[in-house]
């Protein structure tokens, strides 16, 4: 299966959740920041030694990362600032997770 086919399948799976968030008035930035919080919590959990628990939390955080862009497109809130914020927060997420892994070891 090609990369674009995987992306389309993922969008199809997440579409009901994106629709729910849009109907609730959740903003893409809110989803991005919630995902950041989950990354921090997951990293701390990993740092304290619970790899499975931290991994599960990071899985939820990854779903948030997929949702924010889809929600922005769904609600017509796509912006250059939003794209910049998302990519910047992604780098912060990675740094936090690596710090959690380093603390574990």
PDB file of N, CA and C in Angstrom:
ATOM      1  N   UNK A   1       0.849  -1.172   0.000  1.00  0.00           N
ATOM      2  CA  UNK A   1       0.000   0.000   0.000  1.00  0.00           C
ATOM      3  C   UNK A   1       0.900   1.243   0.000  1.00  0.00           C
ATOM      4  N   UNK A   2       0.566   2.233  -0.815  1.00  0.00           N
ATOM      5  CA  UNK A   2       1.371   3.443  -0.923  1.00  0.00           C
ATOM      6  C   UNK A   2       1.151   4.354   0.285  1.00  0.00           C
ATOM      7  N   UNK A   3       2.063   5.312   0.428  1.00  0.00           N
ATOM      8  CA  UNK A   3       1.969   6.255   1.540  1.00  0.00           C
ATOM      9  C   UNK A   3       0.667   7.054   1.472  1.00  0.00           C
ATOM     10  N   UNK A   4       0.285   7.479   0.289  1.00  0.00           N
ATOM     11  CA  UNK A   4      -0.953   8.261   0.160  1.00  0.00           C
ATOM     12  C   UNK A   4      -2.179   7.410   0.488  1.00  0.00           C
ATOM     13  N   UNK A   5      -2.128   6.123   0.171  1.00  0.00           N
ATOM     14  CA  UNK A   5      -3.251   5.238   0.508  1.00  0.00           C
ATOM     15  C   UNK A   5      -3.368   5.086   2.022  1.00  0.00           C
ATOM     16  N   UNK A   6      -2.231   4.981   2.716  1.00  0.00           N
ATOM     17  CA  UNK A   6      -2.249   4.895   4.180  1.00  0.00           C
ATOM     18  C   UNK A   6      -2.815   6.178   4.786  1.00  0.00           C
ATOM     19  N   UNK A   7      -2.377   7.320   4.242  1.00  0.00           N
ATOM     20  CA  UNK A   7      -2.884   8.602   4.745  1.00  0.00           C
ATOM     21  C   UNK A   7      -4.397   8.692   4.578  1.00  0.00           C
ATOM     22  N   UNK A   8      -4.878   8.298   3.414  1.00  0.00           N
ATOM     23  CA  UNK A   8      -6.316   8.360   3.148  1.00  0.00           C
ATOM     24  C   UNK A   8      -7.085   7.441   4.086  1.00  0.00           C
ATOM     25  N   UNK A   9      -6.539   6.252   4.339  1.00  0.00           N
ATOM     26  CA  UNK A   9      -7.191   5.313   5.259  1.00  0.00           C
ATOM     27  C   UNK A   9      -7.233   5.910   6.670  1.00  0.00           C
ATOM     28  N   UNK A  10      -6.137   6.528   7.081  1.00  0.00           N
ATOM     29  CA  UNK A  10      -6.094   7.169   8.396  1.00  0.00           C
ATOM     30  C   UNK A  10      -7.099   8.298   8.511  1.00  0.00           C
ATOM     31  N   UNK A  11      -7.214   9.104   7.460  1.00  0.00           N
ATOM     32  CA  UNK A  11      -8.185  10.197   7.466  1.00  0.00           C
ATOM     33  C   UNK A  11      -9.611   9.669   7.551  1.00  0.00           C
ATOM     34  N   UNK A  12      -9.864   8.576   6.867  1.00  0.00           N
ATOM     35  CA  UNK A  12     -11.201   7.975   6.899  1.00  0.00           C
ATOM     36  C   UNK A  12     -11.541   7.478   8.303  1.00  0.00           C
ATOM     37  N   UNK A  13     -10.559   6.863   8.955  1.00  0.00           N
ATOM     38  CA  UNK A  13     -10.770   6.344  10.308  1.00  0.00           C
ATOM     39  C   UNK A  13     -10.996   7.487  11.301  1.00  0.00           C
ATOM     40  N   UNK A  14     -10.236   8.575  11.148  1.00  0.00           N
ATOM     41  CA  UNK A  14     -10.322   9.684  12.100  1.00  0.00           C
ATOM     42  C   UNK A  14     -11.451  10.667  11.801  1.00  0.00           C
ATOM     43  N   UNK A  15     -12.077  10.557  10.636  1.00  0.00           N
ATOM     44  CA  UNK A  15     -13.110  11.523  10.222  1.00  0.00           C
ATOM     45  C   UNK A  15     -14.228  11.702  11.246  1.00  0.00           C
ATOM     46  N   UNK A  16     -14.776  10.621  11.828  1.00  0.00           N
ATOM     47  CA  UNK A  16     -15.845  10.835  12.822  1.00  0.00           C
ATOM     48  C   UNK A  16     -15.369  11.619  14.047  1.00  0.00           C
ATOM     49  N   UNK A  17     -14.142  11.374  14.479  1.00  0.00           N
ATOM     50  CA  UNK A  17     -13.606  12.090  15.632  1.00  0.00           C
ATOM     51  C   UNK A  17     -13.368  13.561  15.288  1.00  0.00           C
ATOM     52  N   UNK A  18     -12.867  13.821  14.081  1.00  0.00           N
ATOM     53  CA  UNK A  18     -12.665  15.196  13.619  1.00  0.00           C
ATOM     54  C   UNK A  18     -14.006  15.925  13.581  1.00  0.00           C
ATOM     55  N   UNK A  19     -15.027  15.265  13.071  1.00  0.00           N
ATOM     56  CA  UNK A  19     -16.369  15.854  13.004  1.00  0.00           C
ATOM     57  C   UNK A  19     -16.893  16.165  14.402  1.00  0.00           C
ATOM     58  N   UNK A  20     -16.700  15.247  15.339  1.00  0.00           N
ATOM     59  CA  UNK A  20     -17.138  15.460  16.719  1.00  0.00           C
ATOM     60  C   UNK A  20     -16.434  16.670  17.335  1.00  0.00           C
ATOM     61  N   UNK A  21     -15.116  16.743  17.169  1.00  0.00           N
ATOM     62  CA  UNK A  21     -14.361  17.871  17.723  1.00  0.00           C
ATOM     63  C   UNK A  21     -14.813  19.190  17.113  1.00  0.00           C
ATOM     64  N   UNK A  22     -15.056  19.182  15.790  1.00  0.00           N
ATOM     65  CA  UNK A  22     -15.525  20.393  15.117  1.00  0.00           C
ATOM     66  C   UNK A  22     -16.884  20.820  15.674  1.00  0.00           C
ATOM     67  N   UNK A  23     -17.782  19.866  15.883  1.00  0.00           N
ATOM     68  CA  UNK A  23     -19.112  20.182  16.419  1.00  0.00           C
ATOM     69  C   UNK A  23     -19.055  20.685  17.857  1.00  0.00           C
ATOM     70  N   UNK A  24     -18.060  20.241  18.596  1.00  0.00           N
ATOM     71  CA  UNK A  24     -17.898  20.685  19.985  1.00  0.00           C
ATOM     72  C   UNK A  24     -17.205  22.042  20.077  1.00  0.00           C
ATOM     73  N   UNK A  25     -16.688  22.541  18.954  1.00  0.00           N
ATOM     74  CA  UNK A  25     -16.011  23.835  18.948  1.00  0.00           C
ATOM     75  C   UNK A  25     -14.565  23.790  19.390  1.00  0.00           C
ATOM     76  N   UNK A  26     -13.971  22.608  19.384  1.00  0.00           N
ATOM     77  CA  UNK A  26     -12.564  22.465  19.749  1.00  0.00           C
ATOM     78  C   UNK A  26     -11.711  23.056  18.636  1.00  0.00           C
ATOM     79  N   UNK A  27     -10.685  23.806  19.004  1.00  0.00           N
ATOM     80  CA  UNK A  27      -9.818  24.418  17.992  1.00  0.00           C
ATOM     81  C   UNK A  27      -8.629  23.522  17.683  1.00  0.00           C
ATOM     82  N   UNK A  28      -8.074  23.662  16.495  1.00  0.00           N
ATOM     83  CA  UNK A  28      -6.860  22.899  16.160  1.00  0.00           C
ATOM     84  C   UNK A  28      -5.702  23.204  17.114  1.00  0.00           C
ATOM     85  N   UNK A  29      -5.585  24.458  17.509  1.00  0.00           N
ATOM     86  CA  UNK A  29      -4.526  24.826  18.453  1.00  0.00           C
ATOM     87  C   UNK A  29      -4.737  24.132  19.791  1.00  0.00           C
ATOM     88  N   UNK A  30      -5.970  24.017  20.221  1.00  0.00           N
ATOM     89  CA  UNK A  30      -6.274  23.305  21.463  1.00  0.00           C
ATOM     90  C   UNK A  30      -5.855  21.851  21.394  1.00  0.00           C
ATOM     91  N   UNK A  31      -6.106  21.218  20.249  1.00  0.00           N
ATOM     92  CA  UNK A  31      -5.705  19.823  20.066  1.00  0.00           C
ATOM     93  C   UNK A  31      -4.187  19.711  20.077  1.00  0.00           C
ATOM     94  N   UNK A  32      -3.503  20.657  19.424  1.00  0.00           N
ATOM     95  CA  UNK A  32      -2.039  20.661  19.399  1.00  0.00           C
ATOM     96  C   UNK A  32      -1.467  20.766  20.808  1.00  0.00           C
ATOM     97  N   UNK A  33      -2.012  21.687  21.589  1.00  0.00           N
ATOM     98  CA  UNK A  33      -1.512  21.888  22.950  1.00  0.00           C
ATOM     99  C   UNK A  33      -1.869  20.720  23.875  1.00  0.00           C
ATOM    100  N   UNK A  34      -3.040  20.131  23.666  1.00  0.00           N
ATOM    101  CA  UNK A  34      -3.402  18.935  24.441  1.00  0.00           C
ATOM    102  C   UNK A  34      -2.428  17.800  24.117  1.00  0.00           C
ATOM    103  N   UNK A  35      -2.075  17.656  22.838  1.00  0.00           N
ATOM    104  CA  UNK A  35      -1.096  16.645  22.429  1.00  0.00           C
ATOM    105  C   UNK A  35       0.258  16.894  23.073  1.00  0.00           C
ATOM    106  N   UNK A  36       0.657  18.165  23.176  1.00  0.00           N
ATOM    107  CA  UNK A  36       1.909  18.501  23.853  1.00  0.00           C
ATOM    108  C   UNK A  36       1.857  18.042  25.307  1.00  0.00           C
ATOM    109  N   UNK A  37       0.738  18.313  25.956  1.00  0.00           N
ATOM    110  CA  UNK A  37       0.588  17.870  27.347  1.00  0.00           C
ATOM    111  C   UNK A  37       0.685  16.362  27.479  1.00  0.00           C
ATOM    112  N   UNK A  38       0.065  15.649  26.541  1.00  0.00           N
ATOM    113  CA  UNK A  38       0.162  14.180  26.565  1.00  0.00           C
ATOM    114  C   UNK A  38       1.597  13.715  26.344  1.00  0.00           C
ATOM    115  N   UNK A  39       2.320  14.391  25.464  1.00  0.00           N
ATOM    116  CA  UNK A  39       3.722  14.025  25.251  1.00  0.00           C
ATOM    117  C   UNK A  39       4.535  14.205  26.537  1.00  0.00           C
ATOM    118  N   UNK A  40       4.286  15.301  27.236  1.00  0.00           N
ATOM    119  CA  UNK A  40       5.004  15.551  28.489  1.00  0.00           C
ATOM    120  C   UNK A  40       4.671  14.470  29.512  1.00  0.00           C
ATOM    121  N   UNK A  41       3.388  14.170  29.661  1.00  0.00           N
ATOM    122  CA  UNK A  41       2.976  13.136  30.621  1.00  0.00           C
ATOM    123  C   UNK A  41       3.572  11.783  30.226  1.00  0.00           C
ATOM    124  N   UNK A  42       3.509  11.439  28.954  1.00  0.00           N
ATOM    125  CA  UNK A  42       4.076  10.172  28.488  1.00  0.00           C
ATOM    126  C   UNK A  42       5.570  10.078  28.747  1.00  0.00           C
ATOM    127  N   UNK A  43       6.266  11.182  28.512  1.00  0.00           N
ATOM    128  CA  UNK A  43       7.719  11.194  28.745  1.00  0.00           C
ATOM    129  C   UNK A  43       8.044  11.022  30.223  1.00  0.00           C
ATOM    130  N   UNK A  44       7.261  11.663  31.077  1.00  0.00           N
ATOM    131  CA  UNK A  44       7.484  11.528  32.528  1.00  0.00           C
ATOM    132  C   UNK A  44       7.211  10.091  32.966  1.00  0.00           C
ATOM    133  N   UNK A  45       6.146   9.511  32.464  1.00  0.00           N
ATOM    134  CA  UNK A  45       5.813   8.122  32.808  1.00  0.00           C
ATOM    135  C   UNK A  45       6.931   7.186  32.362  1.00  0.00           C
ATOM    136  N   UNK A  46       7.461   7.397  31.170  1.00  0.00           N
ATOM    137  CA  UNK A  46       8.587   6.589  30.693  1.00  0.00           C
ATOM    138  C   UNK A  46       9.805   6.823  31.573  1.00  0.00           C
ATOM    139  N   UNK A  47      10.064   8.086  31.898  1.00  0.00           N
ATOM    140  CA  UNK A  47      11.210   8.413  32.747  1.00  0.00           C
ATOM    141  C   UNK A  47      11.166   7.715  34.096  1.00  0.00           C
ATOM    142  N   UNK A  48       9.961   7.486  34.609  1.00  0.00           N
ATOM    143  CA  UNK A  48       9.805   6.783  35.883  1.00  0.00           C
ATOM    144  C   UNK A  48       9.758   5.269  35.728  1.00  0.00           C
ATOM    145  N   UNK A  49       9.920   4.792  34.496  1.00  0.00           N
ATOM    146  CA  UNK A  49      10.093   3.360  34.294  1.00  0.00           C
ATOM    147  C   UNK A  49       8.931   2.583  33.723  1.00  0.00           C
ATOM    148  N   UNK A  50       7.809   3.209  33.481  1.00  0.00           N
ATOM    149  CA  UNK A  50       6.680   2.478  32.924  1.00  0.00           C
ATOM    150  C   UNK A  50       6.642   2.666  31.405  1.00  0.00           C
ATOM    151  N   UNK A  51       7.352   1.794  30.715  1.00  0.00           N
ATOM    152  CA  UNK A  51       7.448   1.922  29.260  1.00  0.00           C
ATOM    153  C   UNK A  51       6.120   1.662  28.577  1.00  0.00           C
ATOM    154  N   UNK A  52       5.382   0.670  29.018  1.00  0.00           N
ATOM    155  CA  UNK A  52       4.096   0.357  28.391  1.00  0.00           C
ATOM    156  C   UNK A  52       3.094   1.488  28.619  1.00  0.00           C
ATOM    157  N   UNK A  53       3.009   1.975  29.841  1.00  0.00           N
ATOM    158  CA  UNK A  53       2.091   3.073  30.140  1.00  0.00           C
ATOM    159  C   UNK A  53       2.450   4.331  29.380  1.00  0.00           C
ATOM    160  N   UNK A  54       3.732   4.661  29.366  1.00  0.00           N
ATOM    161  CA  UNK A  54       4.193   5.833  28.625  1.00  0.00           C
ATOM    162  C   UNK A  54       3.964   5.673  27.137  1.00  0.00           C
ATOM    163  N   UNK A  55       4.200   4.474  26.628  1.00  0.00           N
ATOM    164  CA  UNK A  55       3.969   4.207  25.206  1.00  0.00           C
ATOM    165  C   UNK A  55       2.520   4.379  24.821  1.00  0.00           C
ATOM    166  N   UNK A  56       1.610   3.934  25.683  1.00  0.00           N
ATOM    167  CA  UNK A  56       0.183   4.093  25.418  1.00  0.00           C
ATOM    168  C   UNK A  56      -0.198   5.566  25.389  1.00  0.00           C
ATOM    169  N   UNK A  57       0.308   6.328  26.336  1.00  0.00           N
ATOM    170  CA  UNK A  57       0.023   7.766  26.369  1.00  0.00           C
ATOM    171  C   UNK A  57       0.579   8.447  25.118  1.00  0.00           C
ATOM    172  N   UNK A  58       1.767   8.034  24.692  1.00  0.00           N
ATOM    173  CA  UNK A  58       2.354   8.614  23.481  1.00  0.00           C
ATOM    174  C   UNK A  58       1.560   8.235  22.236  1.00  0.00           C
ATOM    175  N   UNK A  59       0.943   7.080  22.246  1.00  0.00           N
ATOM    176  CA  UNK A  59       0.069   6.693  21.134  1.00  0.00           C
ATOM    177  C   UNK A  59      -1.129   7.648  21.056  1.00  0.00           C
ATOM    178  N   UNK A  60      -1.712   7.976  22.193  1.00  0.00           N
ATOM    179  CA  UNK A  60      -2.812   8.939  22.230  1.00  0.00           C
ATOM    180  C   UNK A  60      -2.339  10.322  21.753  1.00  0.00           C
ATOM    181  N   UNK A  61      -1.115  10.684  22.148  1.00  0.00           N
ATOM    182  CA  UNK A  61      -0.554  11.971  21.729  1.00  0.00           C
ATOM    183  C   UNK A  61      -0.351  12.006  20.209  1.00  0.00           C
ATOM    184  N   UNK A  62       0.054  10.883  19.635  1.00  0.00           N
ATOM    185  CA  UNK A  62       0.245  10.818  18.182  1.00  0.00           C
ATOM    186  C   UNK A  62      -1.081  10.984  17.449  1.00  0.00           C
ATOM    187  N   UNK A  63      -2.153  10.477  18.032  1.00  0.00           N
ATOM    188  CA  UNK A  63      -3.470  10.656  17.428  1.00  0.00           C
ATOM    189  C   UNK A  63      -3.847  12.139  17.439  1.00  0.00           C
ATOM    190  N   UNK A  64      -3.535  12.827  18.514  1.00  0.00           N
ATOM    191  CA  UNK A  64      -3.783  14.274  18.569  1.00  0.00           C
ATOM    192  C   UNK A  64      -3.010  14.992  17.464  1.00  0.00           C
ATOM    193  N   UNK A  65      -1.799  14.550  17.217  1.00  0.00           N
ATOM    194  CA  UNK A  65      -0.981  15.172  16.181  1.00  0.00           C
ATOM    195  C   UNK A  65      -1.608  14.974  14.806  1.00  0.00           C
ATOM    196  N   UNK A  66      -2.255  13.855  14.603  1.00  0.00           N
ATOM    197  CA  UNK A  66      -2.936  13.619  13.325  1.00  0.00           C
ATOM    198  C   UNK A  66      -4.244  14.404  13.244  1.00  0.00           C
ATOM    199  N   UNK A  67      -4.876  14.621  14.378  1.00  0.00           N
ATOM    200  CA  UNK A  67      -6.175  15.291  14.398  1.00  0.00           C
ATOM    201  C   UNK A  67      -6.097  16.796  14.167  1.00  0.00           C
ATOM    202  N   UNK A  68      -5.036  17.444  14.639  1.00  0.00           N
ATOM    203  CA  UNK A  68      -5.023  18.903  14.592  1.00  0.00           C
ATOM    204  C   UNK A  68      -5.074  19.449  13.169  1.00  0.00           C
ATOM    205  N   UNK A  69      -4.307  18.869  12.271  1.00  0.00           N
ATOM    206  CA  UNK A  69      -4.338  19.328  10.882  1.00  0.00           C
ATOM    207  C   UNK A  69      -5.661  19.020  10.204  1.00  0.00           C
ATOM    208  N   UNK A  70      -6.186  17.827  10.467  1.00  0.00           N
ATOM    209  CA  UNK A  70      -7.474  17.452   9.881  1.00  0.00           C
ATOM    210  C   UNK A  70      -8.583  18.365  10.395  1.00  0.00           C
ATOM    211  N   UNK A  71      -8.525  18.706  11.670  1.00  0.00           N
ATOM    212  CA  UNK A  71      -9.524  19.602  12.247  1.00  0.00           C
ATOM    213  C   UNK A  71      -9.400  21.002  11.642  1.00  0.00           C
ATOM    214  N   UNK A  72      -8.182  21.462  11.431  1.00  0.00           N
ATOM    215  CA  UNK A  72      -7.980  22.772  10.810  1.00  0.00           C
ATOM    216  C   UNK A  72      -8.574  22.801   9.407  1.00  0.00           C
ATOM    217  N   UNK A  73      -8.359  21.738   8.648  1.00  0.00           N
ATOM    218  CA  UNK A  73      -8.927  21.673   7.300  1.00  0.00           C
ATOM    219  C   UNK A  73     -10.454  21.600   7.351  1.00  0.00           C
ATOM    220  N   UNK A  74     -10.988  20.810   8.260  1.00  0.00           N
ATOM    221  CA  UNK A  74     -12.446  20.630   8.382  1.00  0.00           C
ATOM    222  C   UNK A  74     -13.154  21.932   8.739  1.00  0.00           C
ATOM    223  N   UNK A  75     -12.518  22.725   9.608  1.00  0.00           N
ATOM    224  CA  UNK A  75     -13.166  23.938  10.110  1.00  0.00           C
ATOM    225  C   UNK A  75     -12.737  25.194   9.368  1.00  0.00           C
ATOM    226  N   UNK A  76     -11.892  25.050   8.357  1.00  0.00           N
ATOM    227  CA  UNK A  76     -11.434  26.209   7.597  1.00  0.00           C
ATOM    228  C   UNK A  76     -10.504  27.112   8.372  1.00  0.00           C
ATOM    229  N   UNK A  77      -9.769  26.544   9.337  1.00  0.00           N
ATOM    230  CA  UNK A  77      -8.866  27.335  10.167  1.00  0.00           C
ATOM    231  C   UNK A  77      -7.404  27.105   9.805  1.00  0.00           C
ATOM    232  N   UNK A  78      -7.148  26.710   8.578  1.00  0.00           N
ATOM    233  CA  UNK A  78      -5.768  26.493   8.125  1.00  0.00           C
ATOM    234  C   UNK A  78      -5.084  27.847   8.025  1.00  0.00           C
ATOM    235  N   UNK A  79      -3.890  27.950   8.615  1.00  0.00           N
ATOM    236  CA  UNK A  79      -3.128  29.202   8.540  1.00  0.00           C
ATOM    237  C   UNK A  79      -1.641  28.902   8.563  1.00  0.00           C
ATOM    238  N   UNK A  80      -0.872  29.863   8.120  1.00  0.00           N
ATOM    239  CA  UNK A  80       0.594  29.708   8.166  1.00  0.00           C
ATOM    240  C   UNK A  80       1.074  29.626   9.610  1.00  0.00           C
ATOM    241  N   UNK A  81       0.472  30.447  10.480  1.00  0.00           N
ATOM    242  CA  UNK A  81       0.852  30.395  11.889  1.00  0.00           C
ATOM    243  C   UNK A  81       0.551  29.029  12.491  1.00  0.00           C
ATOM    244  N   UNK A  82      -0.618  28.478  12.162  1.00  0.00           N
ATOM    245  CA  UNK A  82      -0.984  27.163  12.678  1.00  0.00           C
ATOM    246  C   UNK A  82      -0.005  26.083  12.230  1.00  0.00           C
ATOM    247  N   UNK A  83       0.408  26.141  10.961  1.00  0.00           N
ATOM    248  CA  UNK A  83       1.386  25.176  10.452  1.00  0.00           C
ATOM    249  C   UNK A  83       2.725  25.343  11.160  1.00  0.00           C
ATOM    250  N   UNK A  84       3.127  26.607  11.392  1.00  0.00           N
ATOM    251  CA  UNK A  84       4.372  26.874  12.110  1.00  0.00           C
ATOM    252  C   UNK A  84       4.294  26.368  13.545  1.00  0.00           C
ATOM    253  N   UNK A  85       3.177  26.669  14.208  1.00  0.00           N
ATOM    254  CA  UNK A  85       2.993  26.220  15.592  1.00  0.00           C
ATOM    255  C   UNK A  85       3.034  24.700  15.666  1.00  0.00           C
ATOM    256  N   UNK A  86       2.330  24.029  14.760  1.00  0.00           N
ATOM    257  CA  UNK A  86       2.286  22.571  14.761  1.00  0.00           C
ATOM    258  C   UNK A  86       3.680  21.981  14.581  1.00  0.00           C
ATOM    259  N   UNK A  87       4.433  22.487  13.617  1.00  0.00           N
ATOM    260  CA  UNK A  87       5.763  21.920  13.383  1.00  0.00           C
ATOM    261  C   UNK A  87       6.719  22.229  14.533  1.00  0.00           C
ATOM    262  N   UNK A  88       6.565  23.403  15.141  1.00  0.00           N
ATOM    263  CA  UNK A  88       7.416  23.748  16.286  1.00  0.00           C
ATOM    264  C   UNK A  88       7.087  22.867  17.488  1.00  0.00           C
ATOM    265  N   UNK A  89       5.814  22.691  17.760  1.00  0.00           N
ATOM    266  CA  UNK A  89       5.398  21.833  18.877  1.00  0.00           C
ATOM    267  C   UNK A  89       5.841  20.395  18.627  1.00  0.00           C
ATOM    268  N   UNK A  90       5.824  19.947  17.371  1.00  0.00           N
ATOM    269  CA  UNK A  90       6.313  18.598  17.057  1.00  0.00           C
ATOM    270  C   UNK A  90       7.769  18.429  17.489  1.00  0.00           C
ATOM    271  N   UNK A  91       8.607  19.444  17.266  1.00  0.00           N
ATOM    272  CA  UNK A  91      10.012  19.351  17.684  1.00  0.00           C
ATOM    273  C   UNK A  91      10.123  19.342  19.210  1.00  0.00           C
ATOM    274  N   UNK A  92       9.290  20.128  19.880  1.00  0.00           N
ATOM    275  CA  UNK A  92       9.277  20.128  21.349  1.00  0.00           C
ATOM    276  C   UNK A  92       8.845  18.748  21.847  1.00  0.00           C
ATOM    277  N   UNK A  93       7.818  18.179  21.222  1.00  0.00           N
ATOM    278  CA  UNK A  93       7.345  16.840  21.584  1.00  0.00           C
ATOM    279  C   UNK A  93       8.485  15.828  21.511  1.00  0.00           C
ATOM    280  N   UNK A  94       9.217  15.854  20.406  1.00  0.00           N
ATOM    281  CA  UNK A  94      10.320  14.905  20.230  1.00  0.00           C
ATOM    282  C   UNK A  94      11.382  15.086  21.301  1.00  0.00           C
ATOM    283  N   UNK A  95      11.715  16.336  21.601  1.00  0.00           N
ATOM    284  CA  UNK A  95      12.736  16.616  22.619  1.00  0.00           C
ATOM    285  C   UNK A  95      12.295  16.095  23.985  1.00  0.00           C
ATOM    286  N   UNK A  96      11.047  16.331  24.335  1.00  0.00           N
ATOM    287  CA  UNK A  96      10.514  15.885  25.623  1.00  0.00           C
ATOM    288  C   UNK A  96      10.545  14.361  25.716  1.00  0.00           C
ATOM    289  N   UNK A  97      10.158  13.687  24.647  1.00  0.00           N
ATOM    290  CA  UNK A  97      10.148  12.223  24.656  1.00  0.00           C
ATOM    291  C   UNK A  97      11.575  11.683  24.784  1.00  0.00           C
ATOM    292  N   UNK A  98      12.510  12.275  24.038  1.00  0.00           N
ATOM    293  CA  UNK A  98      13.903  11.832  24.159  1.00  0.00           C
ATOM    294  C   UNK A  98      14.434  12.064  25.571  1.00  0.00           C
ATOM    295  N   UNK A  99      14.034  13.168  26.198  1.00  0.00           N
ATOM    296  CA  UNK A  99      14.441  13.429  27.581  1.00  0.00           C
ATOM    297  C   UNK A  99      13.871  12.373  28.526  1.00  0.00           C
ATOM    298  N   UNK A 100      12.635  11.972  28.306  1.00  0.00           N
ATOM    299  CA  UNK A 100      12.032  10.924  29.120  1.00  0.00           C
ATOM    300  C   UNK A 100      12.760   9.599  28.961  1.00  0.00           C
ATOM    301  N   UNK A 101      13.120   9.275  27.731  1.00  0.00           N
ATOM    302  CA  UNK A 101      13.868   8.037  27.480  1.00  0.00           C
ATOM    303  C   UNK A 101      15.242   8.113  28.129  1.00  0.00           C
ATOM    304  N   UNK A 102      15.900   9.276  28.026  1.00  0.00           N
ATOM    305  CA  UNK A 102      17.209   9.448  28.653  1.00  0.00           C
ATOM    306  C   UNK A 102      17.112   9.307  30.172  1.00  0.00           C
ATOM    307  N   UNK A 103      16.048   9.862  30.747  1.00  0.00           N
ATOM    308  CA  UNK A 103      15.864   9.743  32.204  1.00  0.00           C
ATOM    309  C   UNK A 103      15.670   8.297  32.606  1.00  0.00           C
ATOM    310  N   UNK A 104      14.981   7.537  31.764  1.00  0.00           N
ATOM    311  CA  UNK A 104      14.767   6.125  32.054  1.00  0.00           C
ATOM    312  C   UNK A 104      16.097   5.382  32.119  1.00  0.00           C
ATOM    313  N   UNK A 105      16.976   5.677  31.171  1.00  0.00           N
ATOM    314  CA  UNK A 105      18.264   4.976  31.138  1.00  0.00           C
ATOM    315  C   UNK A 105      19.258   5.597  32.086  1.00  0.00           C
TER     316      UNK A 105
END
